[in-house]
Amino acid sequence: MKPPFPSFTKIWRNDTYPALSPAGRATGKTVVITGASGGIGRATAVSFAKAGAVKIALLGRRQEALEETRRSIEAANSHTQTSIHVCESTDAEGLQLAADAVGLWDVLVLNAGISPGRAPIQTADLTVWWSAFETNVKGSFITAQAFLPHVNPQGSPTIISVNAALPFTLTFPGWVAKSAYNGSKIALAQIMQHLAQENPSISVVSVHPGIIDTDMLTATDEQKAYMRSVGLLDTHDLPADFFVWLSTPEAGKACTGKYLFANWDVEELMEKLRAEEEGSEVLTVKLQGWPFEG
């Protein structure tokens, strides 16, 4: 399908495909997923179970929903062990307890996030506006801080930060008055680049998961049908399998420090990244045009 956004790859995906097959790609790995109560988080847990993960730690606010995710994992792979950790994404003490309980991990998926409604800066409620930064930025920061000491030094550890396309596509009509969400997600992408620089042995990647029909998507059935017809609505399996692919050594090495769309065809993506010079800043958050020609 023709990309509905400006795209790094000519091939645009809305659903999973053979190159993303999770089979065997996470054998023996321990995976930690925040925001695992449903939606993308649950789909990601199922994909890693199918990929052979030995243990999946589920973090979220709702015990019942996390139990449902556990059942989905068991249906996908009865050999995958699961643990449930109920805590807020901004609860430093709760996250530390979860990290200590999980122990060594191989993949950390930072999926917890919120999207406050549209509000012009002049009239926005500060508490609601700031909540985006509390959850999306602070929550991801303290989660990473809690789990980093427990990273498995063997293998190819990976941190995947679930971001969004919206902050980088302000010219699209109707996507205005989203300064809280957009600002927090751009800040998060920059923080992940720092995390990658500080930890060269860990692959750290920010990913736009696609536009997925979750609780965060406010659209009517008619609007969703239109979005699907023009390639703007994606399946849960697309980002879930994309995350599993990212956790492989080859993908992680090529993509660390980058900002990617799960919609980009991975074979074309890897071909283009291999053609880049070492240290290339392509697909990173920076000031356009820098360094400037004098």
Protein backbone atom coordinates (compact mmCIF):
# COMPACT_ATOMS: atom_id res chain seq x y z
CA MET A 1 0.00 0.00 0.00
CA LYS A 2 1.13 3.57 -0.70
CA PRO A 3 2.38 5.15 2.54
CA PRO A 4 -0.14 7.61 4.03
CA PHE A 5 2.78 9.34 5.77
CA PRO A 6 6.16 10.42 4.41
CA SER A 7 7.97 7.10 4.74
CA PHE A 8 11.58 5.92 5.00
CA THR A 9 10.65 2.78 3.06
CA LYS A 10 8.62 2.52 -0.12
CA ILE A 11 6.79 -0.52 1.21
CA TRP A 12 4.22 0.33 3.91
CA ARG A 13 2.80 -2.42 6.12
CA ASN A 14 -0.51 -2.47 8.00
CA ASP A 15 -0.34 -6.05 9.23
CA THR A 16 2.32 -8.58 10.13
CA TYR A 17 4.10 -10.46 7.31
CA PRO A 18 6.55 -13.37 6.91
CA ALA A 19 9.72 -11.34 7.57
CA LEU A 20 8.31 -10.49 11.02
CA SER A 21 7.44 -14.07 11.96
CA PRO A 22 8.23 -14.34 15.69
CA ALA A 23 8.95 -18.08 15.62
CA GLY A 24 12.13 -18.85 17.59
CA ARG A 25 13.31 -15.24 17.81
CA ALA A 26 13.10 -14.92 21.60
CA THR A 27 14.02 -18.43 22.69
CA GLY A 28 15.17 -18.44 26.31
CA LYS A 29 14.70 -14.70 26.82
CA THR A 30 13.11 -12.86 29.73
CA VAL A 31 10.85 -10.04 28.58
CA VAL A 32 9.43 -7.16 30.63
CA ILE A 33 6.40 -5.25 29.31
CA THR A 34 4.84 -2.16 30.87
CA GLY A 35 1.29 -1.21 30.00
CA ALA A 36 0.61 -4.94 29.59
CA SER A 37 -3.07 -4.83 30.56
CA GLY A 38 -4.34 -4.86 26.98
CA GLY A 39 -3.98 -3.46 23.48
CA ILE A 40 -0.43 -3.28 22.17
CA GLY A 41 1.02 -4.51 25.47
CA ARG A 42 -1.04 -7.70 25.47
CA ALA A 43 -0.37 -8.36 21.78
CA THR A 44 3.35 -7.88 22.41
CA ALA A 45 3.29 -10.38 25.26
CA VAL A 46 1.60 -12.96 23.03
CA SER A 47 4.12 -12.42 20.22
CA PHE A 48 7.07 -12.89 22.56
CA ALA A 49 5.44 -16.06 23.92
CA LYS A 50 5.10 -17.37 20.37
CA ALA A 51 8.75 -16.42 19.84
CA GLY A 52 9.82 -18.73 22.67
CA ALA A 53 10.36 -16.33 25.57
CA VAL A 54 11.01 -18.31 28.74
CA LYS A 55 9.59 -15.67 31.05
CA ILE A 56 7.40 -12.59 30.55
CA ALA A 57 6.89 -10.04 33.32
CA LEU A 58 3.66 -8.07 33.00
CA LEU A 59 3.43 -4.60 34.53
CA GLY A 60 0.26 -2.55 34.72
CA ARG A 61 -2.35 -0.96 36.94
CA ARG A 62 -5.17 -3.53 36.72
CA GLN A 63 -4.78 -7.02 38.19
CA GLU A 64 -7.77 -8.48 36.30
CA ALA A 65 -6.57 -7.20 32.95
CA LEU A 66 -3.05 -8.49 33.59
CA GLU A 67 -4.52 -11.91 34.46
CA GLU A 68 -6.28 -11.87 31.10
CA THR A 69 -2.96 -11.12 29.40
CA ARG A 70 -1.45 -14.05 31.31
CA ARG A 71 -4.18 -16.34 29.93
CA SER A 72 -3.46 -15.11 26.41
CA ILE A 73 0.22 -15.96 26.91
CA GLU A 74 -0.61 -19.44 28.18
CA ALA A 75 -2.79 -20.05 25.13
CA ALA A 76 0.07 -19.03 22.85
CA ASN A 77 2.82 -20.96 24.65
CA SER A 78 2.18 -23.08 27.73
CA HIS A 79 5.92 -23.23 28.46
CA THR A 80 6.31 -19.46 28.95
CA GLN A 81 6.34 -18.44 32.61
CA THR A 82 4.57 -15.23 33.55
CA SER A 83 4.72 -12.90 36.52
CA ILE A 84 2.34 -10.06 37.31
CA HIS A 85 3.38 -6.80 38.94
CA VAL A 86 0.61 -4.31 39.70
CA CYS A 87 1.93 -0.76 39.96
CA GLU A 88 1.51 2.71 38.54
CA SER A 89 3.96 3.68 35.80
CA THR A 90 5.14 6.59 37.98
CA ASP A 91 5.51 4.55 41.19
CA ALA A 92 9.27 4.44 41.69
CA GLU A 93 9.07 2.15 44.72
CA GLY A 94 6.67 -0.27 43.04
CA LEU A 95 8.79 -0.38 39.88
CA GLN A 96 11.92 -1.06 41.93
CA LEU A 97 10.19 -3.95 43.69
CA ALA A 98 9.12 -5.33 40.31
CA ALA A 99 12.63 -5.02 38.89
CA ASP A 100 14.14 -6.80 41.89
CA ALA A 101 11.56 -9.58 41.62
CA VAL A 102 12.11 -10.11 37.88
CA GLY A 103 15.89 -10.20 38.09
CA LEU A 104 17.87 -10.49 34.85
CA TRP A 105 16.00 -9.43 31.72
CA ASP A 106 16.75 -9.43 27.99
CA VAL A 107 13.99 -7.23 26.54
CA LEU A 108 12.28 -4.23 28.15
CA VAL A 109 9.23 -2.82 26.34
CA LEU A 110 8.24 0.63 27.62
CA ASN A 111 4.63 0.67 26.50
CA ALA A 112 2.81 2.51 29.31
CA GLY A 113 1.55 5.90 28.17
CA ILE A 114 -1.38 8.29 28.08
CA SER A 115 -2.80 10.79 25.61
CA PRO A 116 -4.69 13.73 27.14
CA GLY A 117 -7.39 15.23 24.97
CA ARG A 118 -6.81 18.19 22.70
CA ALA A 119 -6.41 21.50 24.55
CA PRO A 120 -4.98 24.81 23.32
CA ILE A 121 -2.09 26.01 25.47
CA GLN A 122 -3.99 29.16 26.49
CA THR A 123 -6.89 27.24 28.07
CA ALA A 124 -5.34 23.85 28.95
CA ASP A 125 -5.73 22.54 32.49
CA LEU A 126 -2.15 22.39 33.77
CA THR A 127 -2.66 19.23 35.83
CA VAL A 128 -4.11 17.34 32.87
CA TRP A 129 -1.52 18.79 30.48
CA TRP A 130 1.40 17.85 32.74
CA SER A 131 0.08 14.32 33.29
CA ALA A 132 1.38 13.43 29.81
CA PHE A 133 4.91 14.24 30.93
CA GLU A 134 4.43 12.45 34.26
CA THR A 135 3.43 9.18 32.58
CA ASN A 136 5.13 9.26 29.19
CA VAL A 137 8.44 10.81 30.24
CA LYS A 138 8.90 10.35 33.99
CA GLY A 139 7.27 6.92 33.96
CA SER A 140 9.58 5.63 31.23
CA PHE A 141 12.58 7.24 32.92
CA ILE A 142 12.05 5.66 36.33
CA THR A 143 11.17 2.29 34.77
CA ALA A 144 14.44 2.28 32.85
CA GLN A 145 16.30 3.43 35.95
CA ALA A 146 14.82 0.59 38.02
CA PHE A 147 15.50 -2.16 35.48
CA LEU A 148 18.90 -1.13 34.06
CA PRO A 149 20.90 -2.66 36.94
CA HIS A 150 19.29 -6.03 36.17
CA VAL A 151 20.06 -6.18 32.45
CA ASN A 152 21.36 -9.56 31.32
CA PRO A 153 25.01 -8.93 30.35
CA GLN A 154 24.92 -11.92 28.03
CA GLY A 155 23.18 -11.96 24.66
CA SER A 156 21.66 -8.88 23.03
CA PRO A 157 19.60 -6.81 25.51
CA THR A 158 17.02 -4.51 23.97
CA ILE A 159 14.89 -1.60 25.20
CA ILE A 160 11.92 -0.67 23.02
CA SER A 161 10.15 2.63 23.72
CA VAL A 162 6.66 2.89 22.25
CA ASN A 163 6.35 6.39 20.82
CA ALA A 164 4.09 7.95 18.15
CA ALA A 165 4.12 9.51 14.70
CA LEU A 166 1.90 12.41 15.73
CA PRO A 167 4.64 14.61 17.25
CA PHE A 168 6.50 14.60 13.93
CA THR A 169 3.52 15.20 11.63
CA LEU A 170 2.05 18.49 12.84
CA THR A 171 1.13 19.49 9.28
CA PHE A 172 -1.65 16.89 9.13
CA PRO A 173 -5.09 18.57 9.39
CA GLY A 174 -7.00 18.12 12.64
CA TRP A 175 -3.95 17.19 14.68
CA VAL A 176 -3.57 20.46 16.53
CA ALA A 177 -3.82 21.40 20.21
CA LYS A 178 -1.91 18.23 21.20
CA SER A 179 1.09 19.97 22.78
CA ALA A 180 1.02 17.79 25.92
CA TYR A 181 1.13 14.48 24.07
CA ASN A 182 3.42 15.65 21.28
CA GLY A 183 5.82 17.44 23.60
CA SER A 184 6.09 14.48 25.95
CA LYS A 185 6.69 12.00 23.14
CA ILE A 186 9.39 14.12 21.49
CA ALA A 187 11.07 14.49 24.89
CA LEU A 188 10.86 10.73 25.38
CA ALA A 189 12.45 10.04 21.98
CA GLN A 190 15.36 12.32 22.83
CA ILE A 191 15.81 10.66 26.23
CA MET A 192 15.95 7.26 24.54
CA GLN A 193 18.75 8.53 22.30
CA HIS A 194 20.69 9.50 25.42
CA LEU A 195 19.98 6.07 26.90
CA ALA A 196 21.39 4.45 23.76
CA GLN A 197 24.53 6.60 23.90
CA GLU A 198 25.06 5.86 27.59
CA ASN A 199 24.59 2.10 27.15
CA PRO A 200 26.30 0.91 23.95
CA SER A 201 25.81 -2.73 24.95
CA ILE A 202 22.02 -2.28 24.92
CA SER A 203 19.95 -1.68 21.79
CA VAL A 204 17.56 1.19 22.50
CA VAL A 205 14.92 1.99 19.87
CA SER A 206 11.88 4.30 19.75
CA VAL A 207 8.98 3.01 17.67
CA HIS A 208 5.75 4.42 16.29
CA PRO A 209 3.61 1.26 16.59
CA GLY A 210 1.13 2.26 13.93
CA ILE A 211 -2.39 3.54 14.49
CA ILE A 212 -4.03 0.77 16.49
CA ASP A 213 -7.65 0.42 17.57
CA THR A 214 -7.10 0.72 21.33
CA ASP A 215 -8.69 2.73 24.15
CA MET A 216 -6.46 5.66 23.18
CA LEU A 217 -7.97 5.90 19.69
CA THR A 218 -10.98 8.22 19.70
CA ALA A 219 -12.75 7.54 16.40
CA THR A 220 -16.18 6.38 15.28
CA ASP A 221 -16.68 3.07 13.47
CA GLU A 222 -17.19 5.03 10.26
CA GLN A 223 -13.95 6.93 10.79
CA LYS A 224 -12.11 3.70 11.54
CA ALA A 225 -13.42 2.14 8.33
CA TYR A 226 -12.13 5.10 6.35
CA MET A 227 -8.77 5.01 8.14
CA ARG A 228 -8.43 1.33 7.32
CA SER A 229 -9.24 1.93 3.65
CA VAL A 230 -6.45 4.50 3.25
CA GLY A 231 -3.84 2.57 5.23
CA LEU A 232 -4.13 4.54 8.47
CA LEU A 233 -5.33 1.71 10.72
CA ASP A 234 -3.07 -1.18 11.61
CA THR A 235 -3.41 -4.55 13.35
CA HIS A 236 -2.14 -5.26 16.86
CA ASP A 237 0.10 -7.99 15.42
CA LEU A 238 2.11 -5.50 13.36
CA PRO A 239 3.85 -3.69 16.24
CA ALA A 240 3.92 -6.81 18.41
CA ASP A 241 5.85 -8.84 15.83
CA PHE A 242 7.95 -5.79 14.90
CA PHE A 243 9.10 -5.54 18.54
CA VAL A 244 10.11 -9.21 18.53
CA TRP A 245 12.09 -8.63 15.33
CA LEU A 246 13.79 -5.60 16.91
CA SER A 247 15.01 -7.76 19.79
CA THR A 248 17.17 -9.86 17.46
CA PRO A 249 20.91 -9.05 17.46
CA GLU A 250 21.12 -7.97 13.81
CA ALA A 251 18.11 -5.65 14.00
CA GLY A 252 19.11 -4.24 17.36
CA LYS A 253 22.63 -3.39 16.24
CA ALA A 254 21.41 -1.60 13.11
CA CYS A 255 18.55 0.27 14.78
CA THR A 256 19.85 1.34 18.20
CA GLY A 257 19.40 5.04 18.86
CA LYS A 258 16.91 5.32 15.99
CA TYR A 259 13.25 6.28 15.71
CA LEU A 260 11.28 3.83 13.54
CA PHE A 261 7.77 3.21 12.26
CA ALA A 262 6.49 -0.36 12.70
CA ASN A 263 4.87 0.15 9.28
CA TRP A 264 8.24 0.24 7.51
CA ASP A 265 9.14 -2.95 5.68
CA VAL A 266 12.01 -4.45 7.67
CA GLU A 267 13.91 -5.93 4.72
CA GLU A 268 13.93 -2.58 2.93
CA LEU A 269 14.69 -0.81 6.22
CA MET A 270 17.75 -2.96 6.91
CA GLU A 271 19.00 -2.51 3.35
CA LYS A 272 18.81 1.27 3.68
CA LEU A 273 20.43 1.32 7.12
CA ARG A 274 23.33 -0.84 5.89
CA ALA A 275 23.95 1.77 3.18
CA GLU A 276 24.34 4.52 5.79
CA GLU A 277 27.79 5.56 7.02
CA GLU A 278 28.78 4.52 10.53
CA GLY A 279 27.54 7.11 13.03
CA SER A 280 24.83 8.36 10.68
CA GLU A 281 22.17 10.47 12.41
CA VAL A 282 19.42 9.41 10.02
CA LEU A 283 16.18 8.57 11.88
CA THR A 284 17.18 10.50 15.00
CA VAL A 285 15.58 13.48 16.72
CA LYS A 286 17.57 16.61 15.87
CA LEU A 287 17.30 20.15 14.52
CA GLN A 288 16.58 19.96 10.79
CA GLY A 289 19.48 21.25 8.71
CA TRP A 290 22.13 20.90 11.43
CA PRO A 291 25.08 21.01 11.05
CA PHE A 292 24.52 24.08 8.91
CA GLU A 293 26.70 24.95 5.96
CA GLY A 294 28.53 28.24 6.55
